[in-house]
Amino acid sequence: MGIAQPAGREIAGRRAPVILSAHVGTNADLLPHILRLYVPEGSTIADVTYGKGAFWKNIDTTKYKLLRTDLLDGIDFRSLPYKPTSLDALILDPPYMHGGFRLKPSLYSSYRNANTSHHSVIRLYAGGILEAARLLRKKGICIVKCQDETESGRQCFSHLELIHLLEVFGFSVVDLFVMVQSNIPIIGKGAQKSARKNHSYALVARFRR
């Protein structure tokens, strides 16, 4: 016998599925749910870490005014070419693990931040959140992707640190989504000392201004 699915809201004469806080899959699977709840169609959205557009594969981008920028195109998300209070929403997904310089040296060095420590990761996020505060309209939405990590055996709960930063910089965190990887993470050599993280977060914050 299958598990009954919860009923959703009535949208345009049909019953839409309930949006849940945890999802198994990819960012492309998660973003449509967040937008449906918090970012109306027609909104101006800046994806400031756009990359190859992986977040948007399951979204009809013609329904939004999507501004695409990325460091690979020479635009640092800490200094964006937009006017103050010009955005309805902003998506921030920077490199979130320390030590990534070894894997992608050109990307990390371009941020003038090799992410050699957990603190350097948080500083990078802080610069992006401050820029979001400059650009978002009152009640604008900032979507922040992040993942917890460990540093020298110490647990670093990045999502809690970023919630605190958002609150300090004028945002109210209104929702939190958990995305679970569908594949099994690679485990390093040696005895395992803590649970291997196979989930990330999407924080949804509203700018109070």
Protein backbone atom coordinates (compact mmCIF):
# COMPACT_ATOMS: atom_id res chain seq x y z
CA MET A 1 0.00 0.00 0.00
CA GLY A 2 1.41 3.40 -0.96
CA ILE A 3 1.80 6.30 1.40
CA ALA A 4 -0.90 8.93 1.00
CA GLN A 5 0.46 12.28 -0.16
CA PRO A 6 -0.62 15.39 1.78
CA ALA A 7 -3.04 17.66 -0.01
CA GLY A 8 -1.73 20.97 -1.23
CA ARG A 9 -3.12 24.44 -1.82
CA GLU A 10 -5.61 25.31 -4.53
CA ILE A 11 -3.76 27.08 -7.36
CA ALA A 12 -5.47 28.10 -10.60
CA GLY A 13 -8.27 25.59 -10.06
CA ARG A 14 -6.03 22.64 -9.28
CA ARG A 15 -4.49 21.19 -6.16
CA ALA A 16 -0.75 21.92 -5.97
CA PRO A 17 1.45 19.49 -4.02
CA VAL A 18 2.49 20.45 -0.52
CA ILE A 19 5.96 22.01 -0.30
CA LEU A 20 8.08 20.16 2.25
CA SER A 21 11.13 21.37 4.13
CA ALA A 22 13.40 18.45 3.13
CA HIS A 23 14.13 17.20 -0.40
CA VAL A 24 16.29 14.50 -1.93
CA GLY A 25 17.90 15.63 -5.16
CA THR A 26 19.65 18.69 -6.52
CA ASN A 27 19.45 22.48 -6.34
CA ALA A 28 17.43 22.39 -9.55
CA ASP A 29 14.83 20.27 -7.76
CA LEU A 30 14.72 22.55 -4.72
CA LEU A 31 14.63 26.08 -6.16
CA PRO A 32 11.16 25.85 -7.80
CA HIS A 33 9.63 25.13 -4.39
CA ILE A 34 11.33 28.12 -2.78
CA LEU A 35 10.30 30.48 -5.56
CA ARG A 36 6.71 29.26 -5.45
CA LEU A 37 6.46 30.14 -1.78
CA TYR A 38 8.51 33.32 -1.57
CA VAL A 39 9.22 34.94 -4.95
CA PRO A 40 6.23 35.82 -7.16
CA GLU A 41 6.41 35.53 -10.93
CA GLY A 42 7.55 38.78 -12.52
CA SER A 43 10.07 39.47 -9.74
CA THR A 44 13.58 40.74 -10.48
CA ILE A 45 16.00 38.05 -9.25
CA ALA A 46 19.79 38.27 -9.23
CA ASP A 47 21.58 34.93 -9.21
CA VAL A 48 25.01 36.23 -8.28
CA THR A 49 26.72 32.82 -8.39
CA TYR A 50 25.00 31.69 -11.57
CA GLY A 51 27.78 29.47 -12.95
CA LYS A 52 26.25 27.28 -15.66
CA GLY A 53 22.71 27.89 -14.45
CA ALA A 54 22.28 24.56 -12.67
CA PHE A 55 19.72 26.02 -10.24
CA TRP A 56 17.39 27.01 -13.09
CA LYS A 57 17.10 23.81 -15.12
CA ASN A 58 13.54 23.12 -13.91
CA ILE A 59 12.26 26.71 -14.07
CA ASP A 60 10.75 28.75 -16.89
CA THR A 61 13.02 31.78 -16.57
CA THR A 62 10.78 33.88 -18.83
CA LYS A 63 8.45 34.21 -15.83
CA TYR A 64 11.06 36.27 -13.96
CA LYS A 65 13.49 39.04 -14.72
CA LEU A 66 16.61 36.98 -14.08
CA LEU A 67 19.96 38.77 -13.76
CA ARG A 68 22.80 36.29 -14.23
CA THR A 69 26.29 37.06 -12.91
CA ASP A 70 29.24 34.96 -11.81
CA LEU A 71 32.86 35.43 -10.84
CA LEU A 72 33.85 33.43 -13.90
CA ASP A 73 32.46 36.36 -15.93
CA GLY A 74 34.46 38.84 -13.86
CA ILE A 75 31.67 39.97 -11.50
CA ASP A 76 32.32 39.53 -7.78
CA PHE A 77 29.11 39.09 -5.78
CA ARG A 78 30.49 41.45 -3.14
CA SER A 79 30.49 44.33 -5.64
CA LEU A 80 27.57 44.01 -8.05
CA PRO A 81 26.64 46.41 -10.88
CA TYR A 82 23.08 47.04 -9.70
CA LYS A 83 21.41 50.08 -8.17
CA PRO A 84 20.45 50.08 -4.48
CA THR A 85 16.98 48.72 -3.69
CA SER A 86 16.59 47.41 -7.26
CA LEU A 87 16.07 43.69 -6.58
CA ASP A 88 13.17 41.60 -5.33
CA ALA A 89 15.33 38.55 -4.64
CA LEU A 90 18.96 37.45 -4.63
CA ILE A 91 20.48 33.96 -4.69
CA LEU A 92 23.87 33.43 -3.02
CA ASP A 93 25.77 30.14 -3.33
CA PRO A 94 29.51 30.78 -2.91
CA PRO A 95 32.21 28.15 -2.30
CA TYR A 96 31.23 26.87 1.14
CA MET A 97 34.08 24.52 2.10
CA HIS A 98 37.49 25.54 3.35
CA GLY A 99 40.43 23.99 1.55
CA GLY A 100 38.75 24.25 -1.84
CA PHE A 101 41.71 26.22 -3.21
CA ARG A 102 43.45 22.93 -3.95
CA LEU A 103 40.56 21.84 -6.18
CA LYS A 104 39.73 25.10 -8.01
CA PRO A 105 42.65 27.51 -7.48
CA SER A 106 41.58 30.02 -10.14
CA LEU A 107 38.11 30.40 -8.64
CA TYR A 108 39.22 30.82 -5.07
CA SER A 109 42.17 33.10 -5.79
CA SER A 110 39.90 35.35 -7.84
CA TYR A 111 37.84 35.93 -4.71
CA ARG A 112 41.09 37.03 -3.05
CA ASN A 113 40.13 34.44 -0.48
CA ALA A 114 41.64 30.96 -0.72
CA ASN A 115 39.15 29.63 1.85
CA THR A 116 42.02 28.22 3.85
CA SER A 117 39.91 28.21 7.02
CA HIS A 118 36.30 27.99 8.07
CA HIS A 119 36.44 31.64 9.16
CA SER A 120 37.45 32.66 5.64
CA VAL A 121 34.36 30.89 4.29
CA ILE A 122 32.10 32.83 6.66
CA ARG A 123 33.81 36.12 5.75
CA LEU A 124 33.09 35.42 2.09
CA TYR A 125 29.41 34.87 2.85
CA ALA A 126 29.34 38.03 4.97
CA GLY A 127 30.47 40.13 2.01
CA GLY A 128 27.71 38.68 -0.15
CA ILE A 129 25.02 39.22 2.49
CA LEU A 130 26.08 42.85 2.97
CA GLU A 131 25.79 43.42 -0.77
CA ALA A 132 22.35 41.79 -0.76
CA ALA A 133 21.28 44.23 1.96
CA ARG A 134 22.32 47.11 -0.29
CA LEU A 135 20.44 45.86 -3.33
CA LEU A 136 17.22 44.32 -2.03
CA ARG A 137 14.00 46.24 -1.70
CA LYS A 138 12.12 46.25 1.59
CA LYS A 139 10.89 42.71 2.26
CA GLY A 140 13.11 41.40 -0.55
CA ILE A 141 14.18 37.77 -0.34
CA CYS A 142 17.74 36.47 -0.01
CA ILE A 143 18.22 32.74 -0.67
CA VAL A 144 21.49 31.49 0.82
CA LYS A 145 22.81 28.00 0.02
CA CYS A 146 25.28 26.57 2.52
CA GLN A 147 26.62 23.37 4.03
CA ASP A 148 28.11 22.59 7.42
CA GLU A 149 31.68 21.31 7.53
CA THR A 150 34.41 20.10 9.87
CA GLU A 151 37.77 21.74 10.43
CA SER A 152 40.55 19.80 12.16
CA GLY A 153 37.95 17.53 13.70
CA ARG A 154 35.83 20.45 14.95
CA GLN A 155 32.19 20.66 13.86
CA CYS A 156 31.43 23.97 12.09
CA PHE A 157 27.69 24.53 11.83
CA SER A 158 27.78 27.09 9.06
CA HIS A 159 24.03 27.40 8.71
CA LEU A 160 23.73 28.58 12.33
CA GLU A 161 26.50 31.13 11.87
CA LEU A 162 24.88 32.43 8.69
CA ILE A 163 21.46 32.70 10.33
CA HIS A 164 23.09 34.90 12.97
CA LEU A 165 24.85 37.00 10.31
CA LEU A 166 21.62 37.49 8.37
CA GLU A 167 19.84 38.69 11.49
CA VAL A 168 22.67 41.10 12.32
CA PHE A 169 22.65 42.52 8.77
CA GLY A 170 18.94 43.34 8.81
CA PHE A 171 17.25 40.13 7.63
CA SER A 172 14.65 37.90 9.24
CA VAL A 173 15.18 34.21 8.45
CA VAL A 174 11.71 32.99 7.51
CA ASP A 175 12.40 29.45 6.31
CA LEU A 176 15.01 26.72 6.06
CA PHE A 177 15.13 23.93 3.49
CA VAL A 178 17.26 20.80 3.72
CA MET A 179 18.54 19.11 0.56
CA VAL A 180 19.81 15.55 0.90
CA GLN A 181 22.25 14.13 -1.66
CA SER A 182 20.92 11.20 -3.64
CA ASN A 183 24.42 9.67 -3.86
CA ILE A 184 26.70 8.46 -1.07
CA PRO A 185 29.52 10.94 -0.22
CA ILE A 186 33.13 9.86 -0.65
CA ILE A 187 34.69 8.83 2.64
CA GLY A 188 38.35 9.59 3.25
CA LYS A 189 40.98 7.19 4.48
CA GLY A 190 41.29 6.32 8.13
CA ALA A 191 38.75 5.74 10.88
CA GLN A 192 35.58 7.78 10.63
CA LYS A 193 35.23 10.15 13.61
CA SER A 194 31.92 11.86 12.85
CA ALA A 195 28.89 11.51 10.61
CA ARG A 196 29.70 12.32 6.97
CA LYS A 197 27.54 15.22 5.90
CA ASN A 198 25.27 14.44 2.96
CA HIS A 199 22.90 17.39 3.21
CA SER A 200 22.98 21.13 2.59
CA TYR A 201 20.68 24.02 3.46
CA ALA A 202 18.84 26.81 1.70
CA LEU A 203 18.14 29.68 4.08
CA VAL A 204 15.33 32.03 3.09
CA ALA A 205 15.65 35.48 4.61
CA ARG A 206 13.46 38.56 4.21
CA PHE A 207 15.11 42.00 4.34
CA ARG A 208 13.58 44.20 7.02
CA ARG A 209 15.07 47.52 5.84
